[in-house]
Amino acid sequence: MLIYPATSEFSTVIPRYSDPPKAQSKLDSMVLVQNKSILSSAVEPHPELHFCKSSRDVSPYIHTMTQPTFVVEHLDPELGPWSTLEYACIARESYDRGARFMLSSVPAELQMPAELAATKGLEVEQRSVEEIFADCKDKVCLLDPSAQVELSPEDGDTFDVFLFGGILGDDPPRDRTSELRKKGYVGRRLGPKQMTTDTAVRVTRLVVHEKVPLEDIQYVDYPELIINEHERTEMPFRYVKDANDKPIMPDGMVDLIKNDADKSLDF
């Protein structure tokens, strides 16, 4: 599973709307924020640059004021289908909106699914976030459900890198973010409810990149998905609401959840 608290390989059959939400071709091309909509668009680079050297790179890591970097520290030796869909979704959305997305601490022996490896915007690192950003730790913000301060648009001017702990986990999730918390990164919270990793990154991007206050973002909490004529499953997460008042999910996620539920029922 993964994260914002954390969740990825969702295997619990829990008993959605009269019709399941259709996969989005542009997942949050329009997100409702109170009475106004945020329309996605390519972001032009800002002329002012910040330099944050990686501990190993010869050339400096370059971050523009309009180009945050989202890093998921992969805290599990495996990579299941749920995480694969989430990571691909994050990569596509980051690329489309002029941001960077990096998977760090990826085991050398982990076989990256071909479709994920070919996704535009995905950067894969075997090094940990500590190694990559050793010289600019103060510019790294950890999205932590236990943090005392909520994320704000101003944090986009303070931090260059936004760190998430992507893990396979349980519902309810274990506090695996503590593995990153103990490394001393400044923490920020995304509210009180559990989010999937792609939702956590999406919300963070809206706040720090598109300058939408956290409290103005509209959500769908715990949506139900119809598995078949007799079965429903309730997702135990918070999702960003799209223009049709449906939860934004990665392409293919609804079908994956249905297939997993069918297998569990067959068993």
Protein backbone atom coordinates (compact mmCIF):
# COMPACT_ATOMS: atom_id res chain seq x y z
CA MET A 1 0.00 0.00 0.00
CA LEU A 2 1.38 3.12 0.72
CA ILE A 3 0.91 6.06 2.36
CA TYR A 4 -0.09 9.34 3.29
CA PRO A 5 -0.64 7.67 6.23
CA ALA A 6 -0.07 4.77 3.97
CA THR A 7 -1.82 2.14 2.01
CA SER A 8 -1.18 0.38 -1.16
CA GLU A 9 -1.94 -3.21 -1.76
CA PHE A 10 -5.60 -3.08 -0.81
CA SER A 11 -6.75 -6.60 -0.20
CA THR A 12 -9.58 -6.24 2.30
CA VAL A 13 -13.00 -6.82 0.80
CA ILE A 14 -15.20 -4.13 2.16
CA PRO A 15 -18.41 -3.72 1.03
CA ARG A 16 -20.00 2.73 -4.08
CA TYR A 17 -22.31 5.28 -6.13
CA SER A 18 -24.96 3.73 -8.32
CA ASP A 19 -22.23 3.47 -10.93
CA PRO A 20 -18.51 3.16 -10.21
CA PRO A 21 -16.48 6.27 -11.12
CA LYS A 22 -15.06 6.00 -14.59
CA ALA A 23 -11.31 6.10 -15.01
CA GLN A 24 -10.15 9.62 -15.75
CA SER A 25 -8.06 10.26 -18.82
CA LYS A 26 -6.72 13.41 -17.20
CA LEU A 27 -7.09 12.56 -13.58
CA ASP A 28 -7.52 15.94 -12.07
CA SER A 29 -7.64 18.22 -15.05
CA MET A 30 -10.32 20.01 -13.11
CA VAL A 31 -10.52 19.91 -9.33
CA LEU A 32 -13.33 21.73 -7.61
CA VAL A 33 -12.12 24.19 -5.04
CA GLN A 34 -15.12 25.78 -3.34
CA ASN A 35 -16.86 27.77 -6.07
CA LYS A 36 -13.96 27.97 -8.45
CA SER A 37 -12.15 25.44 -10.60
CA ILE A 38 -8.44 24.99 -11.06
CA LEU A 39 -7.67 24.18 -14.65
CA SER A 40 -4.52 22.23 -15.25
CA SER A 41 -1.94 23.71 -17.57
CA ALA A 42 1.73 23.40 -18.29
CA VAL A 43 3.77 25.57 -15.96
CA GLU A 44 6.35 27.88 -17.44
CA PRO A 45 9.72 27.75 -15.68
CA HIS A 46 10.36 30.63 -13.30
CA PRO A 47 13.50 32.63 -14.02
CA GLU A 48 14.67 32.47 -10.39
CA LEU A 49 16.51 29.21 -9.65
CA HIS A 50 17.45 27.47 -6.43
CA PHE A 51 20.39 25.09 -6.32
CA CYS A 52 20.32 22.10 -4.03
CA LYS A 53 23.26 19.80 -4.63
CA SER A 54 22.88 16.07 -4.46
CA SER A 55 25.63 14.36 -2.48
CA ARG A 56 26.82 12.47 -5.56
CA ASP A 57 25.74 14.36 -8.65
CA VAL A 58 28.36 16.39 -10.44
CA SER A 59 25.80 18.86 -11.73
CA PRO A 60 23.60 20.57 -9.12
CA TYR A 61 20.05 19.54 -8.53
CA ILE A 62 18.08 22.46 -9.91
CA HIS A 63 14.67 23.44 -8.63
CA THR A 64 12.64 26.37 -9.86
CA MET A 65 10.12 28.20 -7.73
CA THR A 66 7.37 26.71 -9.88
CA GLN A 67 8.84 23.20 -10.01
CA PRO A 68 8.58 21.32 -6.71
CA THR A 69 9.96 17.81 -6.45
CA PHE A 70 7.78 15.06 -4.99
CA VAL A 71 9.70 12.07 -3.62
CA VAL A 72 8.18 8.78 -2.55
CA GLU A 73 10.64 6.79 -0.44
CA HIS A 74 9.71 3.22 -1.33
CA LEU A 75 9.84 1.43 2.02
CA ASP A 76 9.11 -2.09 0.85
CA PRO A 77 11.08 -4.71 -1.10
CA GLU A 78 8.09 -5.36 -3.37
CA LEU A 79 6.02 -3.30 -5.78
CA GLY A 80 2.46 -4.49 -6.18
CA PRO A 81 -0.20 -3.52 -8.76
CA TRP A 82 -1.88 -0.97 -6.45
CA SER A 83 1.37 0.96 -5.93
CA THR A 84 2.23 0.62 -9.63
CA LEU A 85 -0.99 2.40 -10.65
CA GLU A 86 -0.51 5.09 -8.02
CA TYR A 87 3.11 5.78 -8.96
CA ALA A 88 2.27 5.96 -12.67
CA CYS A 89 -0.54 8.39 -11.91
CA ILE A 90 1.73 10.62 -9.82
CA ALA A 91 4.41 10.61 -12.53
CA ARG A 92 1.96 11.59 -15.29
CA GLU A 93 0.32 14.35 -13.27
CA SER A 94 3.67 15.75 -12.11
CA TYR A 95 5.02 15.73 -15.66
CA ASP A 96 1.90 17.43 -17.04
CA ARG A 97 2.10 20.18 -14.43
CA GLY A 98 5.83 20.90 -14.63
CA ALA A 99 6.84 19.17 -11.37
CA ARG A 100 9.30 16.34 -10.71
CA PHE A 101 8.48 12.93 -9.30
CA MET A 102 11.10 10.58 -7.92
CA LEU A 103 10.96 7.10 -6.41
CA SER A 104 13.87 6.70 -4.01
CA SER A 105 15.33 3.70 -2.16
CA VAL A 106 14.20 1.35 -4.92
CA PRO A 107 15.96 -2.02 -4.43
CA ALA A 108 18.37 -2.90 -7.24
CA GLU A 109 16.72 -6.30 -7.59
CA LEU A 110 13.20 -4.90 -7.89
CA GLN A 111 11.79 -5.52 -11.36
CA MET A 112 9.96 -2.37 -12.40
CA PRO A 113 6.81 -3.13 -14.43
CA ALA A 114 7.41 -2.18 -18.07
CA GLU A 115 4.41 0.14 -18.27
CA LEU A 116 5.50 2.00 -15.14
CA ALA A 117 9.13 2.23 -16.25
CA ALA A 118 7.99 3.81 -19.54
CA THR A 119 5.82 6.44 -17.83
CA LYS A 120 6.85 10.02 -18.58
CA GLY A 121 7.96 11.93 -15.52
CA LEU A 122 9.12 8.95 -13.46
CA GLU A 123 12.63 9.12 -12.00
CA VAL A 124 13.90 6.02 -10.18
CA GLU A 125 16.72 6.16 -7.61
CA GLN A 126 18.33 3.33 -5.67
CA ARG A 127 19.75 5.89 -3.25
CA SER A 128 17.75 7.01 -0.24
CA VAL A 129 16.34 10.51 0.11
CA GLU A 130 19.01 11.15 2.76
CA GLU A 131 21.76 10.52 0.24
CA ILE A 132 20.15 12.38 -2.62
CA PHE A 133 19.42 15.55 -0.67
CA ALA A 134 22.19 15.35 1.93
CA ASP A 135 23.29 18.94 1.34
CA CYS A 136 19.85 20.52 1.59
CA LYS A 137 17.98 18.67 4.31
CA ASP A 138 16.33 21.91 5.43
CA LYS A 139 14.61 22.14 2.04
CA VAL A 140 12.91 18.75 2.45
CA CYS A 141 9.39 18.62 3.90
CA LEU A 142 8.01 15.31 5.18
CA LEU A 143 4.26 14.85 4.76
CA ASP A 144 3.49 13.33 8.12
CA PRO A 145 0.04 12.51 9.56
CA SER A 146 1.49 13.06 13.04
CA ALA A 147 2.86 16.55 12.30
CA GLN A 148 1.51 19.45 14.37
CA VAL A 149 1.40 21.98 11.50
CA GLU A 150 -0.88 21.77 8.45
CA LEU A 151 0.60 22.22 4.97
CA SER A 152 0.11 25.76 3.57
CA PRO A 153 0.77 27.53 0.25
CA GLU A 154 3.66 29.37 1.91
CA ASP A 155 5.46 26.04 2.34
CA GLY A 156 5.96 26.03 -1.41
CA ASP A 157 8.29 29.00 -0.95
CA THR A 158 10.13 27.40 1.97
CA PHE A 159 10.69 23.85 0.76
CA ASP A 160 11.93 22.44 -2.55
CA VAL A 161 11.28 18.74 -1.91
CA PHE A 162 8.13 17.11 -0.54
CA LEU A 163 8.69 13.62 0.86
CA PHE A 164 6.20 10.78 1.23
CA GLY A 165 6.70 7.30 2.65
CA GLY A 166 5.37 4.86 0.08
CA ILE A 167 4.82 1.42 1.55
CA LEU A 168 2.75 -1.72 1.29
CA GLY A 169 0.63 -1.79 4.39
CA ASP A 170 -2.54 -2.55 6.24
CA ASP A 171 -5.90 -0.95 6.88
CA PRO A 172 -5.65 0.57 9.39
CA PRO A 173 -2.11 1.56 8.41
CA ARG A 174 0.95 1.08 10.55
CA ASP A 175 2.94 4.22 11.30
CA ARG A 176 5.77 3.44 8.91
CA THR A 177 6.23 7.18 8.27
CA SER A 178 8.08 7.10 11.59
CA GLU A 179 11.05 5.63 9.72
CA LEU A 180 11.41 8.96 7.93
CA ARG A 181 10.26 11.10 10.86
CA LYS A 182 13.19 9.99 13.01
CA LYS A 183 15.59 11.33 10.38
CA GLY A 184 14.69 14.85 11.46
CA TYR A 185 12.81 16.29 8.50
CA VAL A 186 10.40 19.15 9.07
CA GLY A 187 6.86 17.73 9.01
CA ARG A 188 3.56 18.99 7.65
CA ARG A 189 0.11 17.40 7.85
CA LEU A 190 -2.59 17.05 5.18
CA GLY A 191 -5.53 16.98 7.53
CA PRO A 192 -6.98 14.26 9.75
CA LYS A 193 -8.07 11.58 7.25
CA GLN A 194 -6.07 8.84 5.59
CA MET A 195 -5.18 9.32 1.91
CA THR A 196 -3.74 7.10 -0.76
CA THR A 197 -0.28 8.11 -1.94
CA ASP A 198 -1.45 9.62 -5.21
CA THR A 199 -4.08 11.64 -3.34
CA ALA A 200 -1.50 12.89 -0.83
CA VAL A 201 0.82 14.02 -3.64
CA ARG A 202 -2.11 15.59 -5.53
CA VAL A 203 -3.22 17.56 -2.48
CA THR A 204 0.34 18.66 -1.76
CA ARG A 205 0.76 19.84 -5.33
CA LEU A 206 -2.49 21.80 -5.20
CA VAL A 207 -1.38 23.54 -2.01
CA VAL A 208 2.30 24.32 -2.63
CA HIS A 209 2.37 24.49 -6.43
CA GLU A 210 -1.06 25.88 -7.30
CA LYS A 211 -1.40 27.83 -4.03
CA VAL A 212 -4.80 26.45 -2.99
CA PRO A 213 -5.32 26.53 0.79
CA LEU A 214 -5.73 23.05 2.21
CA GLU A 215 -9.14 23.88 3.66
CA ASP A 216 -10.47 24.95 0.23
CA ILE A 217 -9.92 21.60 -1.47
CA GLN A 218 -13.07 19.54 -1.93
CA TYR A 219 -13.00 15.83 -1.06
CA VAL A 220 -14.94 12.60 -1.27
CA ASP A 221 -14.50 10.53 1.87
CA TYR A 222 -14.86 6.75 1.95
CA PRO A 223 -16.56 6.26 -1.43
CA GLU A 224 -18.34 2.99 -2.20
CA LEU A 225 -17.58 0.97 -5.29
CA ILE A 226 -20.06 -1.48 -6.79
CA ILE A 227 -18.39 -4.86 -7.21
CA ASN A 228 -21.38 -6.65 -8.67
CA GLU A 229 -25.14 -6.78 -8.28
CA HIS A 230 -24.85 -7.93 -4.69
CA GLU A 231 -21.52 -6.62 -3.40
CA ARG A 232 -20.12 -3.17 -2.65
CA THR A 233 -16.79 -2.11 -1.23
CA GLU A 234 -16.13 1.01 0.79
CA MET A 235 -12.72 2.60 0.27
CA PRO A 236 -11.28 3.67 3.63
CA PHE A 237 -9.58 6.78 2.21
CA ARG A 238 -10.12 10.44 1.41
CA TYR A 239 -9.98 11.41 -2.29
CA VAL A 240 -9.94 14.74 -4.11
CA LYS A 241 -13.29 15.46 -5.78
CA ASP A 242 -13.36 15.97 -9.56
CA ALA A 243 -15.62 18.25 -11.60
CA ASN A 244 -18.37 15.61 -11.52
CA ASP A 245 -18.22 15.18 -7.75
CA LYS A 246 -16.49 11.81 -8.13
CA PRO A 247 -13.30 10.68 -6.38
CA ILE A 248 -10.14 11.05 -8.45
CA MET A 249 -8.42 7.66 -8.74
CA PRO A 250 -5.61 6.36 -10.97
CA ASP A 251 -6.52 4.85 -14.33
CA GLY A 252 -7.28 1.17 -13.84
CA MET A 253 -7.72 1.39 -10.06
CA VAL A 254 -11.46 0.65 -10.00
CA ASP A 255 -10.99 -2.46 -12.16
CA LEU A 256 -8.10 -3.60 -9.94
CA ILE A 257 -10.20 -3.23 -6.80
CA LYS A 258 -13.09 -5.13 -8.39
CA ASN A 259 -10.82 -7.94 -9.53
CA ASP A 260 -9.23 -8.22 -6.09
CA ALA A 261 -12.65 -8.31 -4.47
CA ASP A 262 -13.87 -11.00 -6.87
CA LYS A 263 -10.79 -13.14 -6.09
CA SER A 264 -11.39 -12.77 -2.37
CA LEU A 265 -15.03 -13.72 -2.77
CA ASP A 266 -14.10 -16.74 -4.87
CA PHE A 267 -11.68 -17.82 -2.18
